[in-house]
C-alpha cells in the first residue's frame, strides 16, 4: 500500500465516526485507505478504541 500524506482534520473526524460506529480495524483501514497499523497509531493519538476482527471473536 502506498504511503498517504499526513492526516487532515477531516480524516480525523472520519476516523472518530467510524470508531463510534463499532467498525473493526480492518473495516476502518479499508474505508480510509490507510494501513491497520496507521489506524491503530492515530486512534491511540486521538484516544479512540478500535478492535480488530480477531479481538471481536474472542
N, C-alpha and C. Protein backbone atom coordinates (compact mmCIF):
# COMPACT_ATOMS: atom_id res chain seq x y z
N UNK A 1 0.85 -1.17 0.00
CA UNK A 1 0.00 0.00 0.00
C UNK A 1 0.90 1.24 0.00
N UNK A 2 0.65 2.14 -0.91
CA UNK A 2 1.46 3.36 -1.00
C UNK A 2 1.17 4.27 0.19
N UNK A 3 2.17 5.01 0.59
CA UNK A 3 2.03 5.89 1.75
C UNK A 3 1.22 7.14 1.39
N UNK A 4 0.29 7.49 2.27
CA UNK A 4 -0.53 8.70 2.09
C UNK A 4 0.09 9.84 2.89
N UNK A 5 -0.20 11.05 2.51
CA UNK A 5 0.32 12.20 3.27
C UNK A 5 -0.31 12.26 4.67
N UNK A 6 0.13 13.21 5.46
CA UNK A 6 -0.36 13.38 6.83
C UNK A 6 -1.89 13.41 6.90
N UNK A 7 -2.39 13.12 8.08
CA UNK A 7 -3.83 13.10 8.32
C UNK A 7 -4.37 14.53 8.35
N UNK A 8 -5.50 14.71 7.71
CA UNK A 8 -6.17 16.01 7.75
C UNK A 8 -7.21 16.00 8.88
N UNK A 9 -7.70 17.17 9.22
CA UNK A 9 -8.74 17.28 10.24
C UNK A 9 -9.96 16.47 9.82
N UNK A 10 -10.28 16.52 8.54
CA UNK A 10 -11.44 15.79 8.01
C UNK A 10 -11.26 14.28 8.21
N UNK A 11 -10.05 13.78 7.99
CA UNK A 11 -9.78 12.36 8.19
C UNK A 11 -9.85 11.98 9.67
N UNK A 12 -9.40 12.88 10.54
CA UNK A 12 -9.52 12.65 11.98
C UNK A 12 -10.98 12.46 12.36
N UNK A 13 -11.82 13.36 11.87
CA UNK A 13 -13.27 13.29 12.16
C UNK A 13 -13.87 11.99 11.63
N UNK A 14 -13.47 11.60 10.44
CA UNK A 14 -13.98 10.37 9.83
C UNK A 14 -13.58 9.16 10.68
N UNK A 15 -12.34 9.14 11.14
CA UNK A 15 -11.87 8.05 11.99
C UNK A 15 -12.68 7.99 13.28
N UNK A 16 -12.98 9.14 13.85
CA UNK A 16 -13.80 9.19 15.06
C UNK A 16 -15.19 8.62 14.81
N UNK A 17 -15.78 8.99 13.68
CA UNK A 17 -17.12 8.49 13.33
C UNK A 17 -17.10 6.97 13.14
N UNK A 18 -16.10 6.46 12.44
CA UNK A 18 -16.00 5.02 12.19
C UNK A 18 -15.78 4.26 13.50
N UNK A 19 -14.98 4.81 14.39
CA UNK A 19 -14.73 4.17 15.69
C UNK A 19 -16.02 4.12 16.51
N UNK A 20 -16.78 5.19 16.50
CA UNK A 20 -18.05 5.23 17.24
C UNK A 20 -19.08 4.26 16.68
N UNK A 21 -18.99 3.96 15.39
CA UNK A 21 -19.96 3.06 14.78
C UNK A 21 -19.57 1.59 14.93
N UNK A 22 -18.58 1.32 15.77
CA UNK A 22 -18.15 -0.04 16.10
C UNK A 22 -17.61 -0.82 14.90
N UNK A 23 -16.99 -0.12 13.97
CA UNK A 23 -16.35 -0.80 12.83
C UNK A 23 -15.07 -1.48 13.32
N UNK A 24 -14.69 -2.57 12.65
CA UNK A 24 -13.45 -3.25 13.02
C UNK A 24 -12.26 -2.48 12.44
N UNK A 25 -11.09 -2.78 12.95
CA UNK A 25 -9.87 -2.16 12.48
C UNK A 25 -9.71 -2.36 10.98
N UNK A 26 -9.99 -3.55 10.52
CA UNK A 26 -9.86 -3.86 9.09
C UNK A 26 -10.86 -3.06 8.25
N UNK A 27 -12.08 -2.91 8.74
CA UNK A 27 -13.09 -2.12 8.03
C UNK A 27 -12.68 -0.65 7.93
N UNK A 28 -12.15 -0.12 9.03
CA UNK A 28 -11.71 1.28 9.05
C UNK A 28 -10.54 1.48 8.11
N UNK A 29 -9.60 0.54 8.10
CA UNK A 29 -8.44 0.63 7.20
C UNK A 29 -8.90 0.64 5.74
N UNK A 30 -9.84 -0.23 5.42
CA UNK A 30 -10.36 -0.29 4.05
C UNK A 30 -11.08 1.01 3.69
N UNK A 31 -11.88 1.54 4.60
CA UNK A 31 -12.67 2.74 4.33
C UNK A 31 -11.80 3.99 4.17
N UNK A 32 -10.67 4.02 4.87
CA UNK A 32 -9.81 5.21 4.83
C UNK A 32 -8.65 5.08 3.86
N UNK A 33 -8.36 3.86 3.41
CA UNK A 33 -7.23 3.65 2.50
C UNK A 33 -5.89 3.72 3.23
N UNK A 34 -5.91 3.51 4.53
CA UNK A 34 -4.70 3.52 5.35
C UNK A 34 -4.44 2.11 5.88
N UNK A 35 -3.22 1.86 6.30
CA UNK A 35 -2.88 0.54 6.84
C UNK A 35 -3.47 0.39 8.24
N UNK A 36 -3.75 -0.86 8.65
CA UNK A 36 -4.26 -1.07 10.01
C UNK A 36 -3.32 -0.53 11.08
N UNK A 37 -2.01 -0.62 10.84
CA UNK A 37 -1.04 -0.11 11.79
C UNK A 37 -1.17 1.41 11.96
N UNK A 38 -1.34 2.12 10.86
CA UNK A 38 -1.50 3.59 10.92
C UNK A 38 -2.82 3.95 11.61
N UNK A 39 -3.86 3.16 11.36
CA UNK A 39 -5.15 3.41 12.00
C UNK A 39 -5.00 3.26 13.51
N UNK A 40 -4.32 2.18 13.96
CA UNK A 40 -4.12 1.96 15.39
C UNK A 40 -3.36 3.12 16.03
N UNK A 41 -2.30 3.57 15.36
CA UNK A 41 -1.49 4.66 15.91
C UNK A 41 -2.29 5.95 16.01
N UNK A 42 -3.05 6.27 14.97
CA UNK A 42 -3.84 7.51 15.01
C UNK A 42 -4.97 7.39 16.01
N UNK A 43 -5.59 6.24 16.11
CA UNK A 43 -6.66 6.03 17.09
C UNK A 43 -6.13 6.25 18.50
N UNK A 44 -4.93 5.72 18.78
CA UNK A 44 -4.34 5.92 20.10
C UNK A 44 -4.08 7.40 20.35
N UNK A 45 -3.59 8.11 19.36
CA UNK A 45 -3.34 9.54 19.49
C UNK A 45 -4.61 10.32 19.80
N UNK A 46 -5.71 9.88 19.19
CA UNK A 46 -6.99 10.56 19.37
C UNK A 46 -7.77 10.03 20.57
N UNK A 47 -7.23 9.01 21.23
CA UNK A 47 -7.91 8.44 22.40
C UNK A 47 -9.09 7.55 22.04
N UNK A 48 -9.01 6.92 20.87
CA UNK A 48 -10.10 6.05 20.40
C UNK A 48 -9.74 4.59 20.58
N UNK A 49 -10.74 3.76 20.65
CA UNK A 49 -10.53 2.32 20.75
C UNK A 49 -11.17 1.66 19.54
N UNK A 50 -10.36 0.93 18.77
CA UNK A 50 -10.87 0.20 17.61
C UNK A 50 -10.37 -1.23 17.72
N UNK A 51 -11.28 -2.16 17.75
CA UNK A 51 -10.94 -3.57 17.89
C UNK A 51 -10.73 -4.22 16.52
N UNK A 52 -9.81 -5.18 16.47
CA UNK A 52 -9.60 -5.93 15.23
C UNK A 52 -10.64 -7.04 15.17
N UNK A 53 -10.78 -7.63 14.02
CA UNK A 53 -11.74 -8.71 13.85
C UNK A 53 -11.42 -9.88 14.78
N UNK A 54 -10.14 -10.19 14.92
CA UNK A 54 -9.73 -11.31 15.78
C UNK A 54 -10.10 -11.05 17.24
N UNK A 55 -9.96 -9.82 17.69
CA UNK A 55 -10.29 -9.46 19.08
C UNK A 55 -11.80 -9.52 19.33
N UNK A 56 -12.59 -9.21 18.32
CA UNK A 56 -14.05 -9.24 18.48
C UNK A 56 -14.59 -10.66 18.59
N UNK A 57 -13.89 -11.62 17.98
CA UNK A 57 -14.36 -13.01 18.01
C UNK A 57 -14.20 -13.64 19.38
N UNK A 58 -13.22 -13.19 20.14
CA UNK A 58 -12.92 -13.80 21.46
C UNK A 58 -13.89 -13.39 22.51
